[in-house]
Amino acid sequence: MRTNIVIDEDLMSQAMKAGPYKTKKDAVEAGLKLLARQAAYREILKWEGKLHWDGDDASPVVTTGAARSKAVVTNEPAVGRRRGRR
């Protein structure tokens, strides 16, 4: 999507050096991705202290709430997890 915006030159210069990014577009997109990722982390942190894991990595079961109603979590490998390596 094409958008024209006015950006503080000093701030853009700092962002370009921080990367280092080749283009202003790269710097702006990196900043937008960072904001989106931080929002996702805040959403995840809302669960801090509210989940209890029973079992091991091979077959995790999550229990939540005071009644500890059990919900089975799928046994899908985590993204980026290397399997079969020793």
N, C-alpha and C. Protein backbone atom coordinates (compact mmCIF):
# COMPACT_ATOMS: atom_id res chain seq x y z
N MET A 1 0.84 -1.16 0.00
CA MET A 1 0.00 0.00 0.00
C MET A 1 0.90 1.24 0.00
N ARG A 2 0.60 2.16 -0.83
CA ARG A 2 1.37 3.39 -0.92
C ARG A 2 0.79 4.42 0.04
N THR A 3 1.69 5.00 0.87
CA THR A 3 1.29 6.00 1.84
C THR A 3 2.37 7.06 1.93
N ASN A 4 2.00 8.31 1.91
CA ASN A 4 2.95 9.40 2.08
C ASN A 4 2.82 9.95 3.49
N ILE A 5 3.95 9.99 4.21
CA ILE A 5 3.95 10.51 5.57
C ILE A 5 5.18 11.39 5.78
N VAL A 6 5.08 12.28 6.73
CA VAL A 6 6.21 13.12 7.10
C VAL A 6 6.85 12.50 8.33
N ILE A 7 8.15 12.19 8.24
CA ILE A 7 8.87 11.53 9.34
C ILE A 7 10.02 12.43 9.76
N ASP A 8 10.21 12.55 11.07
CA ASP A 8 11.32 13.32 11.62
C ASP A 8 12.64 12.81 11.03
N GLU A 9 13.43 13.71 10.45
CA GLU A 9 14.67 13.31 9.77
C GLU A 9 15.70 12.71 10.73
N ASP A 10 15.82 13.29 11.93
CA ASP A 10 16.78 12.76 12.90
C ASP A 10 16.39 11.35 13.35
N LEU A 11 15.10 11.15 13.58
CA LEU A 11 14.61 9.84 13.99
C LEU A 11 14.85 8.81 12.88
N MET A 12 14.58 9.20 11.64
CA MET A 12 14.81 8.29 10.52
C MET A 12 16.29 7.95 10.40
N SER A 13 17.15 8.95 10.58
CA SER A 13 18.59 8.72 10.51
C SER A 13 19.03 7.74 11.58
N GLN A 14 18.52 7.89 12.79
CA GLN A 14 18.85 6.97 13.88
C GLN A 14 18.37 5.55 13.57
N ALA A 15 17.18 5.46 13.03
CA ALA A 15 16.62 4.15 12.69
C ALA A 15 17.43 3.48 11.58
N MET A 16 17.84 4.26 10.60
CA MET A 16 18.61 3.71 9.47
C MET A 16 19.95 3.15 9.98
N LYS A 17 20.56 3.84 10.92
CA LYS A 17 21.85 3.39 11.48
C LYS A 17 21.67 2.20 12.40
N ALA A 18 20.54 2.11 13.07
CA ALA A 18 20.30 1.04 14.04
C ALA A 18 20.22 -0.32 13.38
N GLY A 19 19.79 -0.37 12.13
CA GLY A 19 19.56 -1.62 11.43
C GLY A 19 20.78 -2.40 11.05
N PRO A 20 21.63 -1.98 10.23
CA PRO A 20 21.45 -0.84 9.33
C PRO A 20 20.53 -1.22 8.17
N TYR A 21 19.66 -0.32 7.81
CA TYR A 21 18.70 -0.56 6.73
C TYR A 21 19.18 0.14 5.47
N LYS A 22 18.91 -0.47 4.34
CA LYS A 22 19.33 0.10 3.06
C LYS A 22 18.38 1.19 2.59
N THR A 23 17.12 1.07 2.95
CA THR A 23 16.13 2.05 2.49
C THR A 23 15.28 2.52 3.66
N LYS A 24 14.65 3.67 3.49
CA LYS A 24 13.74 4.18 4.51
C LYS A 24 12.56 3.23 4.67
N LYS A 25 12.12 2.66 3.57
CA LYS A 25 11.00 1.71 3.62
C LYS A 25 11.36 0.52 4.51
N ASP A 26 12.59 0.01 4.37
CA ASP A 26 13.02 -1.11 5.21
C ASP A 26 12.98 -0.73 6.70
N ALA A 27 13.44 0.48 7.02
CA ALA A 27 13.45 0.93 8.41
C ALA A 27 12.04 1.07 8.95
N VAL A 28 11.15 1.66 8.16
CA VAL A 28 9.76 1.83 8.60
C VAL A 28 9.08 0.48 8.78
N GLU A 29 9.27 -0.44 7.85
CA GLU A 29 8.66 -1.76 7.97
C GLU A 29 9.19 -2.51 9.18
N ALA A 30 10.49 -2.37 9.47
CA ALA A 30 11.05 -3.02 10.66
C ALA A 30 10.42 -2.45 11.92
N GLY A 31 10.21 -1.15 11.95
CA GLY A 31 9.57 -0.53 13.10
C GLY A 31 8.14 -1.00 13.28
N LEU A 32 7.41 -1.13 12.18
CA LEU A 32 6.02 -1.61 12.25
C LEU A 32 5.96 -3.06 12.71
N LYS A 33 6.90 -3.88 12.24
CA LYS A 33 6.96 -5.28 12.67
C LYS A 33 7.26 -5.37 14.16
N LEU A 34 8.15 -4.50 14.63
CA LEU A 34 8.49 -4.47 16.05
C LEU A 34 7.26 -4.12 16.90
N LEU A 35 6.51 -3.13 16.48
CA LEU A 35 5.29 -2.76 17.21
C LEU A 35 4.29 -3.91 17.26
N ALA A 36 4.10 -4.59 16.14
CA ALA A 36 3.17 -5.71 16.08
C ALA A 36 3.64 -6.85 16.98
N ARG A 37 4.95 -7.13 16.98
CA ARG A 37 5.50 -8.20 17.80
C ARG A 37 5.35 -7.87 19.29
N GLN A 38 5.60 -6.60 19.66
CA GLN A 38 5.45 -6.21 21.05
C GLN A 38 4.00 -6.36 21.52
N ALA A 39 3.05 -6.05 20.66
CA ALA A 39 1.64 -6.22 21.01
C ALA A 39 1.33 -7.70 21.23
N ALA A 40 1.89 -8.57 20.40
CA ALA A 40 1.68 -10.01 20.56
C ALA A 40 2.29 -10.49 21.87
N TYR A 41 3.48 -9.99 22.23
CA TYR A 41 4.12 -10.37 23.49
C TYR A 41 3.27 -9.94 24.68
N ARG A 42 2.71 -8.73 24.62
CA ARG A 42 1.86 -8.26 25.70
C ARG A 42 0.64 -9.18 25.86
N GLU A 43 0.10 -9.64 24.75
CA GLU A 43 -1.05 -10.54 24.79
C GLU A 43 -0.66 -11.86 25.46
N ILE A 44 0.52 -12.37 25.13
CA ILE A 44 1.00 -13.62 25.73
C ILE A 44 1.24 -13.44 27.23
N LEU A 45 1.81 -12.29 27.61
CA LEU A 45 2.11 -12.05 29.02
C LEU A 45 0.86 -11.98 29.89
N LYS A 46 -0.30 -11.75 29.30
CA LYS A 46 -1.54 -11.75 30.08
C LYS A 46 -1.79 -13.11 30.72
N TRP A 47 -1.20 -14.17 30.16
CA TRP A 47 -1.38 -15.53 30.67
C TRP A 47 -0.38 -15.87 31.77
N GLU A 48 0.58 -14.98 32.05
CA GLU A 48 1.62 -15.26 33.04
C GLU A 48 0.98 -15.61 34.39
N GLY A 49 1.39 -16.76 34.92
CA GLY A 49 0.88 -17.20 36.21
C GLY A 49 -0.50 -17.82 36.17
N LYS A 50 -1.11 -17.93 35.00
CA LYS A 50 -2.47 -18.46 34.90
C LYS A 50 -2.53 -19.86 34.30
N LEU A 51 -1.40 -20.38 33.83
CA LEU A 51 -1.36 -21.71 33.23
C LEU A 51 -0.48 -22.62 34.07
N HIS A 52 -0.86 -23.87 34.16
CA HIS A 52 -0.07 -24.87 34.87
C HIS A 52 0.14 -26.05 33.92
N TRP A 53 1.39 -26.42 33.70
CA TRP A 53 1.71 -27.52 32.78
C TRP A 53 1.91 -28.80 33.57
N ASP A 54 1.23 -29.88 33.18
CA ASP A 54 1.43 -31.21 33.72
C ASP A 54 1.96 -32.08 32.60
N GLY A 55 2.90 -32.96 32.90
CA GLY A 55 3.43 -33.85 31.88
C GLY A 55 4.81 -33.40 31.44
N ASP A 56 5.25 -33.97 30.33
CA ASP A 56 6.56 -33.62 29.80
C ASP A 56 6.40 -32.98 28.42
N ASP A 57 7.52 -32.68 27.78
CA ASP A 57 7.47 -32.05 26.46
C ASP A 57 6.82 -32.93 25.41
N ALA A 58 6.86 -34.24 25.61
CA ALA A 58 6.31 -35.15 24.61
C ALA A 58 4.78 -35.15 24.60
N SER A 59 4.16 -34.94 25.76
CA SER A 59 2.71 -34.97 25.82
C SER A 59 2.20 -33.98 26.86
N PRO A 60 2.30 -32.69 26.57
CA PRO A 60 1.88 -31.70 27.57
C PRO A 60 0.36 -31.64 27.74
N VAL A 61 -0.06 -31.39 28.97
CA VAL A 61 -1.46 -31.15 29.30
C VAL A 61 -1.49 -29.83 30.06
N VAL A 62 -2.37 -28.93 29.65
CA VAL A 62 -2.48 -27.63 30.30
C VAL A 62 -3.67 -27.65 31.23
N THR A 63 -3.48 -27.18 32.46
CA THR A 63 -4.60 -27.02 33.38
C THR A 63 -4.70 -25.54 33.69
N THR A 64 -5.92 -25.03 33.67
CA THR A 64 -6.14 -23.60 33.90
C THR A 64 -7.19 -23.39 34.96
N GLY A 65 -7.17 -22.21 35.56
CA GLY A 65 -8.22 -21.82 36.50
C GLY A 65 -8.12 -22.52 37.84
N ALA A 66 -8.95 -22.07 38.79
CA ALA A 66 -8.94 -22.62 40.13
C ALA A 66 -9.38 -24.08 40.14
N ALA A 67 -10.31 -24.44 39.27
CA ALA A 67 -10.81 -25.81 39.22
C ALA A 67 -9.83 -26.73 38.48
N ARG A 68 -8.85 -26.15 37.83
CA ARG A 68 -7.84 -26.89 37.07
C ARG A 68 -8.48 -27.85 36.06
N SER A 69 -9.41 -27.33 35.27
CA SER A 69 -10.01 -28.15 34.22
C SER A 69 -8.93 -28.42 33.19
N LYS A 70 -8.80 -29.67 32.78
CA LYS A 70 -7.70 -30.05 31.90
C LYS A 70 -8.06 -29.89 30.43
N ALA A 71 -7.09 -29.41 29.68
CA ALA A 71 -7.21 -29.28 28.24
C ALA A 71 -5.95 -29.85 27.63
N VAL A 72 -6.08 -30.82 26.76
CA VAL A 72 -4.91 -31.44 26.14
C VAL A 72 -4.38 -30.55 25.04
N VAL A 73 -3.09 -30.34 25.03
CA VAL A 73 -2.44 -29.54 24.01
C VAL A 73 -1.91 -30.49 22.95
N THR A 74 -2.02 -30.11 21.69
CA THR A 74 -1.56 -30.99 20.61
C THR A 74 -0.07 -31.23 20.72
N ASN A 75 0.37 -32.34 20.21
CA ASN A 75 1.76 -32.74 20.29
C ASN A 75 2.52 -32.33 19.03
N GLU A 76 2.18 -31.18 18.47
CA GLU A 76 2.87 -30.68 17.28
C GLU A 76 4.22 -30.13 17.68
N PRO A 77 5.27 -30.35 16.87
CA PRO A 77 6.58 -29.80 17.20
C PRO A 77 6.56 -28.29 17.12
N ALA A 78 7.33 -27.66 17.98
CA ALA A 78 7.42 -26.20 17.97
C ALA A 78 8.10 -25.75 16.69
N VAL A 79 7.74 -24.58 16.21
CA VAL A 79 8.36 -24.03 15.01
C VAL A 79 9.84 -23.81 15.30
N GLY A 80 10.68 -24.28 14.42
CA GLY A 80 12.11 -24.09 14.58
C GLY A 80 12.77 -25.18 15.41
N ARG A 81 11.98 -26.06 16.04
CA ARG A 81 12.56 -27.12 16.84
C ARG A 81 13.21 -28.15 15.92
N ARG A 82 14.41 -28.50 16.26
CA ARG A 82 15.12 -29.51 15.45
C ARG A 82 14.90 -30.87 16.07
N ARG A 83 14.31 -31.75 15.31
CA ARG A 83 14.01 -33.08 15.81
C ARG A 83 15.05 -34.06 15.31
N GLY A 84 15.33 -35.07 16.12
CA GLY A 84 16.23 -36.12 15.70
C GLY A 84 17.70 -35.75 15.79
N ARG A 85 18.03 -34.60 16.35
CA ARG A 85 19.43 -34.21 16.50
C ARG A 85 19.89 -34.55 17.90
N ARG A 86 21.13 -34.93 18.03
CA ARG A 86 21.67 -35.28 19.35
C ARG A 86 22.90 -34.50 19.62
